[in-house]
Amino acid sequence: MGGERVQVVFGQPLVYTGELLVDGLEALKTRPDARPGLAAIACPTLVIVGADDALTPVSAAETLRTHGETLAPEDRTALLDAIVQSTARLTTMVSDLLPHLGSCADDLCVINSLHGDSGGHDKATMGMHTGSFNFARPSVGAWVSYGLGTENRNLPSFMVLAPAPPYTGTQAWGADFLPGCHQGTHVVPGAPGKAPIPDVARLAPSDELQQMELELLGGVNRKHQQQRAADAALEAQIRSFETAFGMQKAAPEAFDLSKETDATLELYGLKREAASGAGFAWQCLMARRLAERGVRFIELLDVGSSHNWDSHGDMEDHAKLARNMDRPLAGLIKDLKSRGLLDTTLLVWTTEFGRTPYNPAKEAKGRDHHNAVFSSWLAGGGVKGGTVYGKSDDIGATVAENGVHVHDLHATILHLLGLDHEKLTYRFSGRDFRLTDVSGRVVKDVIA
């Protein structure tokens, strides 16, 4: 799976020599039970907030509704206005709302039988992010950071590029009981011309003076730590100082798109004058740059918990949202592939649940929540491109073949990243916890 393992370490080494108070760097070391040489090294995860339509983007259902029409229970034979992207390996329906993504069909592994345990935004969002639909648990990105460590001490191992949090707020990228150094670092795409990470420049007049300040701070922290029992919040704060120091050197370059070619910007649908911080296209290009620089897990949210895909009122809202993500997603896939990075970068596109295939009110223009079956796709990172796995019934109401639970999706993601979901555990409150709880199976048929 995935070809040769590539190690990318960027930026100046951390020169702060103060003694660590906790296992900050130890916690971020690569675990010996990871499978080097077999796994993807980065996982940009693309989460569509509000519940996309399981039938509109990609689906193998035979009988679908016309886009923009309501499908009442007694009228289930209308066909979706879609185009078929056919290749030697894959024939699946890709909506004409996504022409650019449709051109990447050979690289997509579409799962048409995903299902979860909740039809509520908050619980379903938490379940997709943490594996737990009812209780706060570490996010999948935190588990990946815990399992794989980091290849670049100057950048966080888990970063979230999002204009606003989803329904669960920052809990979606929290570390919960895992060491705090594994929680996601949220970067808000800014307005053109503004730095996405404010105040990243050091305040001290020189590196030497800042290092002296940090050494003094390290001594104070050591004394403070020795007088107290283990304090997870204090440990996380100390580690954040170290990461912030490294980011002063690495982040400005990582977030600087000035050296990207016009052709690359065009691939994502970016214009140079607007390529400094705003929009989903910027997020996708930045995901590639962060993956190149050793960030293990990058999560992209196209929108937050409002003005999103939750189209109870009118499904036509999805047209604008689809245009916003179509070209950038295709650009990311093509860019990674052209650089030889797709084999070692796992892309995951998903949403918290789907939408019902019909509305009881025939005149209604919107549709409701539906967790019984919905679609997701994977690309790169050792998956079988150009394939479809699983199947819904003819109208997309329930799983008909090869169901994939959210736990199964998580188990498969970890496997593709070189981690065994049953062995990646953390002892807390007298119990060994894991991302998939006591469930989950690796969907081996999607693995190349």
Protein backbone atom coordinates (compact mmCIF):
# COMPACT_ATOMS: atom_id res chain seq x y z
CA MET A 1 0.00 0.00 0.00
CA GLY A 2 1.14 3.49 -0.75
CA GLY A 3 4.61 2.83 -2.16
CA GLU A 4 7.78 4.14 -0.54
CA ARG A 5 7.48 6.07 2.70
CA VAL A 6 8.60 9.65 2.26
CA GLN A 7 9.90 11.65 5.19
CA VAL A 8 9.57 15.40 4.87
CA VAL A 9 11.15 17.60 7.50
CA PHE A 10 11.07 21.31 6.87
CA GLY A 11 12.46 24.35 8.61
CA GLN A 12 15.18 25.02 11.10
CA PRO A 13 15.56 22.57 13.99
CA LEU A 14 14.15 23.73 17.28
CA VAL A 15 17.04 25.39 19.07
CA TYR A 16 15.36 25.89 22.41
CA THR A 17 17.56 23.98 24.84
CA GLY A 18 15.47 24.26 28.01
CA GLU A 19 14.83 20.88 29.60
CA LEU A 20 11.38 19.52 28.86
CA LEU A 21 9.13 19.21 31.88
CA VAL A 22 6.93 16.50 30.41
CA ASP A 23 7.00 13.98 27.62
CA GLY A 24 6.17 16.66 25.07
CA LEU A 25 8.56 15.44 22.40
CA GLU A 26 8.32 11.85 23.58
CA ALA A 27 4.55 12.02 23.05
CA LEU A 28 5.10 13.17 19.49
CA LYS A 29 7.63 10.52 18.49
CA THR A 30 6.60 7.98 15.89
CA ARG A 31 5.33 4.84 17.59
CA PRO A 32 7.39 1.69 16.96
CA ASP A 33 4.28 -0.32 16.05
CA ALA A 34 3.49 1.90 13.04
CA ARG A 35 4.19 0.21 9.70
CA PRO A 36 6.81 2.35 7.90
CA GLY A 37 7.02 1.68 4.20
CA LEU A 38 3.39 0.58 3.95
CA ALA A 39 1.36 3.55 5.03
CA ALA A 40 0.33 7.00 3.95
CA ILE A 41 2.17 9.67 5.92
CA ALA A 42 -0.46 12.41 5.85
CA CYS A 43 -4.25 12.45 5.93
CA PRO A 44 -6.08 15.55 4.72
CA THR A 45 -9.70 14.93 5.73
CA LEU A 46 -12.42 16.94 4.00
CA VAL A 47 -15.57 17.27 6.09
CA ILE A 48 -18.72 18.72 4.56
CA VAL A 49 -20.75 20.30 7.38
CA GLY A 50 -24.52 20.08 7.56
CA ALA A 51 -25.12 16.79 5.73
CA ASP A 52 -24.66 16.55 2.01
CA ASP A 53 -27.06 14.58 -0.16
CA ALA A 54 -25.94 10.97 -0.36
CA LEU A 55 -27.34 10.72 -3.88
CA THR A 56 -26.23 13.99 -5.42
CA PRO A 57 -22.40 13.94 -5.41
CA VAL A 58 -21.56 10.29 -6.12
CA SER A 59 -23.85 7.31 -6.02
CA ALA A 60 -24.36 3.90 -7.54
CA ALA A 61 -28.11 3.87 -6.90
CA GLU A 62 -30.07 2.82 -9.94
CA THR A 63 -33.13 5.00 -9.47
CA LEU A 64 -32.70 8.56 -8.24
CA ARG A 65 -34.69 11.74 -7.97
CA THR A 66 -34.36 14.73 -10.28
CA HIS A 67 -32.14 17.39 -8.73
CA GLY A 68 -34.29 20.19 -7.38
CA GLU A 69 -37.45 18.09 -7.20
CA THR A 70 -39.00 16.51 -4.15
CA LEU A 71 -39.45 12.76 -4.32
CA ALA A 72 -42.61 11.77 -2.50
CA PRO A 73 -42.97 8.17 -1.27
CA GLU A 74 -45.44 7.35 -4.05
CA ASP A 75 -43.27 8.88 -6.76
CA ARG A 76 -39.84 7.26 -6.63
CA THR A 77 -38.91 6.78 -10.26
CA ALA A 78 -37.61 10.22 -11.24
CA LEU A 79 -34.01 10.18 -12.43
CA LEU A 80 -31.21 12.34 -11.08
CA ASP A 81 -29.89 14.92 -13.54
CA ALA A 82 -26.37 13.54 -13.56
CA ILE A 83 -23.52 12.65 -15.82
CA VAL A 84 -21.78 9.32 -15.84
CA GLN A 85 -18.01 9.39 -15.53
CA SER A 86 -17.04 6.07 -17.11
CA THR A 87 -13.57 4.61 -17.12
CA ALA A 88 -12.17 1.16 -17.68
CA ARG A 89 -12.54 0.48 -13.96
CA LEU A 90 -15.34 2.68 -12.67
CA THR A 91 -18.84 3.55 -13.75
CA THR A 92 -20.65 5.61 -11.17
CA MET A 93 -22.90 8.61 -11.24
CA VAL A 94 -21.21 11.90 -10.52
CA SER A 95 -23.48 14.90 -10.36
CA ASP A 96 -23.09 17.57 -13.00
CA LEU A 97 -22.64 19.90 -10.03
CA LEU A 98 -19.15 18.37 -9.72
CA PRO A 99 -17.63 18.28 -13.22
CA HIS A 100 -14.04 18.78 -12.03
CA LEU A 101 -14.27 16.07 -9.38
CA GLY A 102 -15.91 13.80 -11.92
CA SER A 103 -12.75 14.03 -14.04
CA CYS A 104 -10.87 12.38 -11.13
CA ALA A 105 -13.11 9.29 -11.04
CA ASP A 106 -10.16 6.99 -11.71
CA ASP A 107 -8.62 8.06 -8.40
CA LEU A 108 -11.73 7.84 -6.23
CA CYS A 109 -12.83 4.91 -4.12
CA VAL A 110 -16.50 5.66 -3.50
CA ILE A 111 -18.26 4.11 -0.50
CA ASN A 112 -22.01 4.13 -1.11
CA SER A 113 -23.06 2.24 2.02
CA LEU A 114 -21.82 4.36 4.93
CA HIS A 115 -24.11 4.55 7.96
CA GLY A 116 -24.00 5.97 11.48
CA ASP A 117 -25.86 5.90 14.77
CA SER A 118 -27.44 9.33 14.93
CA GLY A 119 -29.54 11.60 12.77
CA GLY A 120 -28.80 14.69 14.87
CA HIS A 121 -26.11 17.12 13.76
CA ASP A 122 -24.28 17.33 17.08
CA LYS A 123 -24.13 13.61 17.81
CA ALA A 124 -23.44 12.60 14.20
CA THR A 125 -20.68 15.20 13.90
CA MET A 126 -19.13 13.96 17.13
CA GLY A 127 -19.43 10.37 15.96
CA MET A 128 -17.72 11.07 12.63
CA HIS A 129 -14.94 13.01 14.33
CA THR A 130 -14.37 10.91 17.46
CA GLY A 131 -16.06 7.55 16.98
CA SER A 132 -18.35 8.31 19.93
CA PHE A 133 -21.88 9.50 19.24
CA ASN A 134 -22.72 10.27 22.86
CA PHE A 135 -19.63 11.21 24.88
CA ALA A 136 -16.59 13.44 24.42
CA ARG A 137 -13.65 11.43 23.14
CA PRO A 138 -10.37 12.21 21.32
CA SER A 139 -10.83 13.12 17.67
CA VAL A 140 -9.56 10.92 14.86
CA GLY A 141 -6.84 13.51 14.12
CA ALA A 142 -5.67 13.37 17.74
CA TRP A 143 -5.54 9.56 17.57
CA VAL A 144 -3.48 9.73 14.37
CA SER A 145 -1.10 12.23 15.97
CA TYR A 146 -0.83 10.00 19.04
CA GLY A 147 -0.21 6.93 16.89
CA LEU A 148 2.19 8.34 14.32
CA GLY A 149 3.86 11.25 16.09
CA THR A 150 5.27 14.08 14.03
CA GLU A 151 7.92 14.46 11.35
CA ASN A 152 8.26 18.21 11.87
CA ARG A 153 8.66 19.60 15.37
CA ASN A 154 8.18 23.12 14.07
CA LEU A 155 4.55 22.61 13.05
CA PRO A 156 1.62 20.98 14.88
CA SER A 157 1.06 17.35 13.97
CA PHE A 158 -2.70 17.98 13.57
CA MET A 159 -4.06 21.13 11.94
CA VAL A 160 -7.61 22.21 11.11
CA LEU A 161 -8.29 24.73 8.35
CA ALA A 162 -11.86 25.94 8.82
CA PRO A 163 -13.74 29.24 8.62
CA ALA A 164 -15.83 28.23 11.64
CA PRO A 165 -16.27 25.19 13.93
CA PRO A 166 -18.88 22.50 13.13
CA TYR A 167 -21.84 21.62 15.35
CA THR A 168 -19.71 20.16 18.16
CA GLY A 169 -17.44 23.18 18.27
CA THR A 170 -13.75 22.68 18.96
CA GLN A 171 -14.52 19.28 20.47
CA ALA A 172 -14.38 18.04 16.86
CA TRP A 173 -10.58 18.33 16.97
CA GLY A 174 -9.99 17.96 20.71
CA ALA A 175 -7.60 15.52 22.37
CA ASP A 176 -9.84 14.86 25.40
CA PHE A 177 -7.88 12.42 27.61
CA LEU A 178 -4.94 12.06 25.19
CA PRO A 179 -1.95 14.35 25.85
CA GLY A 180 -2.92 17.87 24.88
CA CYS A 181 -0.14 18.14 22.30
CA HIS A 182 -2.27 15.95 20.03
CA GLN A 183 -5.26 18.29 19.77
CA GLY A 184 -5.85 20.10 16.49
CA THR A 185 -4.54 23.60 15.87
CA HIS A 186 -7.33 25.65 14.29
CA VAL A 187 -6.34 28.04 11.51
CA VAL A 188 -9.10 30.35 10.25
CA PRO A 189 -8.74 31.30 6.57
CA GLY A 190 -8.39 35.06 6.56
CA ALA A 191 -9.14 37.86 4.17
CA PRO A 192 -6.80 38.36 1.19
CA GLY A 193 -3.63 40.11 2.27
CA LYS A 194 -3.93 39.08 5.92
CA ALA A 195 -1.83 36.39 7.54
CA PRO A 196 -3.88 33.30 8.51
CA ILE A 197 -1.92 33.03 11.77
CA PRO A 198 -1.71 36.44 13.47
CA ASP A 199 1.13 37.43 15.77
CA VAL A 200 3.42 34.62 14.63
CA ALA A 201 6.45 36.93 14.54
CA ARG A 202 8.57 36.94 17.70
CA LEU A 203 8.38 39.98 19.95
CA ALA A 204 11.94 39.67 21.22
CA PRO A 205 14.52 41.73 19.27
CA SER A 206 16.59 38.64 18.43
CA ASP A 207 16.50 34.85 18.42
CA GLU A 208 19.19 34.78 21.10
CA LEU A 209 17.16 36.92 23.48
CA GLN A 210 14.02 34.88 22.88
CA GLN A 211 15.93 31.70 23.60
CA MET A 212 17.15 33.16 26.88
CA GLU A 213 13.56 34.07 27.76
CA LEU A 214 12.37 30.56 26.97
CA GLU A 215 15.14 29.01 29.07
CA LEU A 216 14.11 31.19 31.99
CA LEU A 217 10.48 30.22 31.45
CA GLY A 218 11.50 26.56 31.27
CA GLY A 219 13.21 26.82 34.66
CA VAL A 220 10.15 28.42 36.23
CA ASN A 221 7.93 25.75 34.70
CA ARG A 222 10.19 22.98 36.00
CA LYS A 223 9.93 24.31 39.52
CA HIS A 224 6.18 24.75 39.16
CA GLN A 225 5.76 21.19 37.84
CA GLN A 226 7.85 19.64 40.61
CA GLN A 227 5.52 21.08 43.22
CA ARG A 228 2.40 19.62 41.70
CA ALA A 229 1.03 16.32 40.57
CA ALA A 230 0.71 15.65 36.84
CA ASP A 231 -1.40 18.39 35.28
CA ALA A 232 -2.53 17.66 31.74
CA ALA A 233 -3.48 21.29 31.05
CA LEU A 234 -0.08 22.51 32.23
CA GLU A 235 1.69 19.89 30.11
CA ALA A 236 -0.28 20.95 27.04
CA GLN A 237 0.52 24.61 27.66
CA ILE A 238 4.23 23.93 28.00
CA ARG A 239 4.22 21.96 24.77
CA SER A 240 2.33 24.80 23.06
CA PHE A 241 5.20 27.17 23.90
CA GLU A 242 7.64 24.85 22.13
CA THR A 243 5.39 24.45 19.10
CA ALA A 244 4.81 28.20 18.90
CA PHE A 245 8.56 28.81 18.90
CA GLY A 246 9.01 26.38 16.03
CA MET A 247 6.07 27.88 14.15
CA GLN A 248 7.73 31.30 14.19
CA LYS A 249 10.29 29.84 11.82
CA ALA A 250 8.20 27.33 9.84
CA ALA A 251 4.68 28.78 9.60
CA PRO A 252 5.42 31.98 7.61
CA GLU A 253 7.00 29.95 4.82
CA ALA A 254 4.41 27.19 4.95
CA PHE A 255 1.55 29.68 4.55
CA ASP A 256 3.28 31.79 1.90
CA LEU A 257 1.89 31.00 -1.56
CA SER A 258 3.97 33.58 -3.41
CA LYS A 259 6.26 30.91 -4.89
CA GLU A 260 3.41 28.76 -6.18
CA THR A 261 3.16 28.95 -9.95
CA ASP A 262 0.22 30.53 -11.74
CA ALA A 263 -0.56 27.11 -13.19
CA THR A 264 -0.82 25.60 -9.70
CA LEU A 265 -3.06 28.40 -8.46
CA GLU A 266 -5.25 28.01 -11.53
CA LEU A 267 -5.55 24.28 -10.84
CA TYR A 268 -7.30 25.09 -7.55
CA GLY A 269 -9.26 28.00 -8.99
CA LEU A 270 -7.20 30.61 -7.14
CA LYS A 271 -6.18 34.00 -8.45
CA ARG A 272 -2.84 35.32 -7.29
CA GLU A 273 -4.23 38.54 -5.88
CA ALA A 274 -6.65 36.54 -3.71
CA ALA A 275 -4.39 33.61 -2.87
CA SER A 276 -3.34 34.68 0.61
CA GLY A 277 -5.96 33.32 2.90
CA ALA A 278 -9.64 33.13 2.00
CA GLY A 279 -11.80 30.34 0.64
CA PHE A 280 -11.90 26.58 0.28
CA ALA A 281 -9.46 26.66 -2.64
CA TRP A 282 -6.85 28.20 -0.34
CA GLN A 283 -7.59 25.52 2.25
CA CYS A 284 -7.02 22.71 -0.27
CA LEU A 285 -3.75 24.14 -1.56
CA MET A 286 -2.59 24.70 2.00
CA ALA A 287 -3.42 21.07 2.83
CA ARG A 288 -0.94 19.98 0.16
CA ARG A 289 1.73 22.33 1.51
CA LEU A 290 1.25 21.20 5.09
CA ALA A 291 1.33 17.54 4.10
CA GLU A 292 4.61 18.19 2.27
CA ARG A 293 6.02 19.68 5.46
CA GLY A 294 5.27 16.74 7.70
CA VAL A 295 1.90 17.62 9.24
CA ARG A 296 0.28 14.25 9.89
CA PHE A 297 -3.41 15.09 9.87
CA ILE A 298 -5.05 18.07 8.17
CA GLU A 299 -8.79 18.60 8.42
CA LEU A 300 -10.66 20.94 6.10
CA LEU A 301 -14.17 22.22 6.78
CA ASP A 302 -15.79 24.11 3.94
CA VAL A 303 -18.32 25.87 6.19
CA GLY A 304 -19.28 25.95 9.85
CA SER A 305 -22.46 25.10 11.72
CA SER A 306 -24.58 27.66 9.85
CA HIS A 307 -25.21 28.49 6.18
CA ASN A 308 -24.12 24.98 5.26
CA TRP A 309 -25.44 21.85 3.51
CA ASP A 310 -28.38 21.40 5.90
CA SER A 311 -30.97 22.09 3.22
CA HIS A 312 -34.32 21.51 4.87
CA GLY A 313 -35.72 24.44 2.90
CA ASP A 314 -34.35 24.09 -0.63
CA MET A 315 -31.97 21.52 -2.11
CA GLU A 316 -30.90 24.08 -4.71
CA ASP A 317 -28.65 25.48 -1.97
CA HIS A 318 -26.31 22.61 -2.72
CA ALA A 319 -25.49 23.98 -6.17
CA LYS A 320 -23.54 26.94 -4.81
CA LEU A 321 -21.85 24.86 -2.11
CA ALA A 322 -20.85 22.23 -4.66
CA ARG A 323 -19.29 24.84 -6.94
CA ASN A 324 -17.27 26.09 -3.99
CA MET A 325 -15.66 22.71 -3.37
CA ASP A 326 -15.59 21.07 -6.82
CA ARG A 327 -12.54 22.61 -8.46
CA PRO A 328 -10.40 22.83 -5.30
CA LEU A 329 -10.98 19.14 -4.49
CA ALA A 330 -10.09 18.07 -8.01
CA GLY A 331 -7.11 20.42 -7.93
CA LEU A 332 -5.81 18.84 -4.73
CA ILE A 333 -6.05 15.34 -6.16
CA LYS A 334 -4.37 16.32 -9.43
CA ASP A 335 -1.68 18.38 -7.72
CA LEU A 336 -0.73 15.59 -5.32
CA LYS A 337 -0.71 13.10 -8.18
CA SER A 338 1.51 15.23 -10.40
CA ARG A 339 4.05 15.58 -7.57
CA GLY A 340 4.09 11.87 -6.80
CA LEU A 341 2.50 12.47 -3.40
CA LEU A 342 -0.93 10.89 -3.85
CA ASP A 343 0.30 7.39 -3.03
CA THR A 344 1.53 8.55 0.38
CA THR A 345 -1.32 10.94 1.13
CA LEU A 346 -4.74 9.60 2.08
CA LEU A 347 -7.67 11.85 1.20
CA VAL A 348 -10.99 11.28 2.97
CA TRP A 349 -14.17 13.14 1.99
CA THR A 350 -17.17 12.71 4.23
CA THR A 351 -20.11 14.35 5.98
CA GLU A 352 -21.89 13.60 9.25
CA PHE A 353 -24.85 11.90 7.53
CA GLY A 354 -26.86 12.13 4.33
CA ARG A 355 -30.28 13.47 3.47
CA THR A 356 -33.54 11.62 3.02
CA PRO A 357 -34.31 10.53 -0.56
CA TYR A 358 -37.83 11.94 -0.29
CA ASN A 359 -39.95 14.40 1.64
CA PRO A 360 -43.47 13.46 2.83
CA ALA A 361 -44.70 16.82 1.57
CA LYS A 362 -44.63 16.62 -2.22
CA GLU A 363 -44.32 20.41 -2.61
CA ALA A 364 -41.36 20.67 -0.23
CA LYS A 365 -38.07 21.73 -1.80
CA GLY A 366 -35.81 20.49 0.99
CA ARG A 367 -35.09 17.15 2.59
CA ASP A 368 -34.26 15.92 6.08
CA HIS A 369 -31.46 14.13 7.94
CA HIS A 370 -30.66 10.54 7.00
CA ASN A 371 -28.02 8.44 8.74
CA ALA A 372 -29.24 5.05 7.46
CA VAL A 373 -27.08 5.26 4.32
CA PHE A 374 -24.89 7.92 2.75
CA SER A 375 -21.76 8.25 0.64
CA SER A 376 -18.11 9.05 1.20
CA TRP A 377 -14.97 8.69 -0.85
CA LEU A 378 -11.28 8.02 -0.36
CA ALA A 379 -8.36 8.73 -2.67
CA GLY A 380 -4.64 8.00 -2.62
CA GLY A 381 -2.88 6.47 0.35
CA GLY A 382 -3.18 2.86 -0.77
CA VAL A 383 -6.88 2.72 -1.70
CA LYS A 384 -8.25 1.21 -4.90
CA GLY A 385 -8.95 4.11 -7.20
CA GLY A 386 -11.72 3.85 -9.75
CA THR A 387 -13.85 1.59 -7.59
CA VAL A 388 -17.22 1.63 -5.84
CA TYR A 389 -17.86 -0.27 -2.61
CA GLY A 390 -21.24 -0.96 -1.11
CA LYS A 391 -24.68 -0.20 -2.39
CA SER A 392 -27.89 1.39 -1.20
CA ASP A 393 -31.35 0.35 -2.28
CA ASP A 394 -32.76 1.90 -5.44
CA ILE A 395 -33.79 5.16 -3.78
CA GLY A 396 -30.96 5.53 -1.28
CA ALA A 397 -33.09 4.84 1.80
CA THR A 398 -31.11 1.99 3.36
CA VAL A 399 -28.01 -0.15 2.89
CA ALA A 400 -28.54 -2.96 0.39
CA GLU A 401 -25.03 -4.40 0.19
CA ASN A 402 -21.71 -4.25 2.12
CA GLY A 403 -22.60 -1.72 4.79
CA VAL A 404 -19.78 0.39 6.25
CA HIS A 405 -20.33 1.80 9.74
CA VAL A 406 -18.48 4.93 10.87
CA HIS A 407 -16.34 2.65 13.08
CA ASP A 408 -15.40 0.64 9.98
CA LEU A 409 -14.40 3.81 8.15
CA HIS A 410 -12.20 4.84 11.08
CA ALA A 411 -10.61 1.38 11.29
CA THR A 412 -9.84 1.53 7.58
CA ILE A 413 -8.35 5.02 7.79
CA LEU A 414 -6.04 3.95 10.62
CA HIS A 415 -5.04 0.82 8.71
CA LEU A 416 -4.14 2.85 5.63
CA LEU A 417 -2.01 5.07 7.87
CA GLY A 418 -0.17 2.07 9.24
CA LEU A 419 -2.03 1.68 12.53
CA ASP A 420 -4.02 -1.23 13.95
CA HIS A 421 -7.25 0.17 15.35
CA GLU A 422 -7.46 -2.63 17.93
CA LYS A 423 -3.94 -1.98 19.23
CA LEU A 424 -3.97 1.82 19.17
CA THR A 425 -5.23 2.28 22.74
CA TYR A 426 -4.83 4.71 25.61
CA ARG A 427 -5.32 3.84 29.26
CA PHE A 428 -7.71 6.24 30.96
CA SER A 429 -9.88 5.92 34.06
CA GLY A 430 -9.10 2.22 34.39
CA ARG A 431 -9.96 1.31 30.80
CA ASP A 432 -8.12 0.99 27.49
CA PHE A 433 -9.86 3.33 25.06
CA ARG A 434 -9.56 3.32 21.28
CA LEU A 435 -11.03 5.29 18.37
CA THR A 436 -13.32 2.45 17.31
CA ASP A 437 -14.39 1.58 20.89
CA VAL A 438 -15.23 -2.15 20.81
CA SER A 439 -16.32 -2.23 17.17
CA GLY A 440 -14.94 -1.60 13.71
CA ARG A 441 -13.49 -3.71 10.93
CA VAL A 442 -11.02 -2.84 8.21
CA VAL A 443 -12.79 -2.74 4.83
CA LYS A 444 -10.12 -4.69 2.98
CA ASP A 445 -11.89 -4.59 -0.36
CA VAL A 446 -11.13 -0.88 -0.74
CA ILE A 447 -7.39 -1.40 -0.20
CA ALA A 448 -5.10 -1.78 -3.19
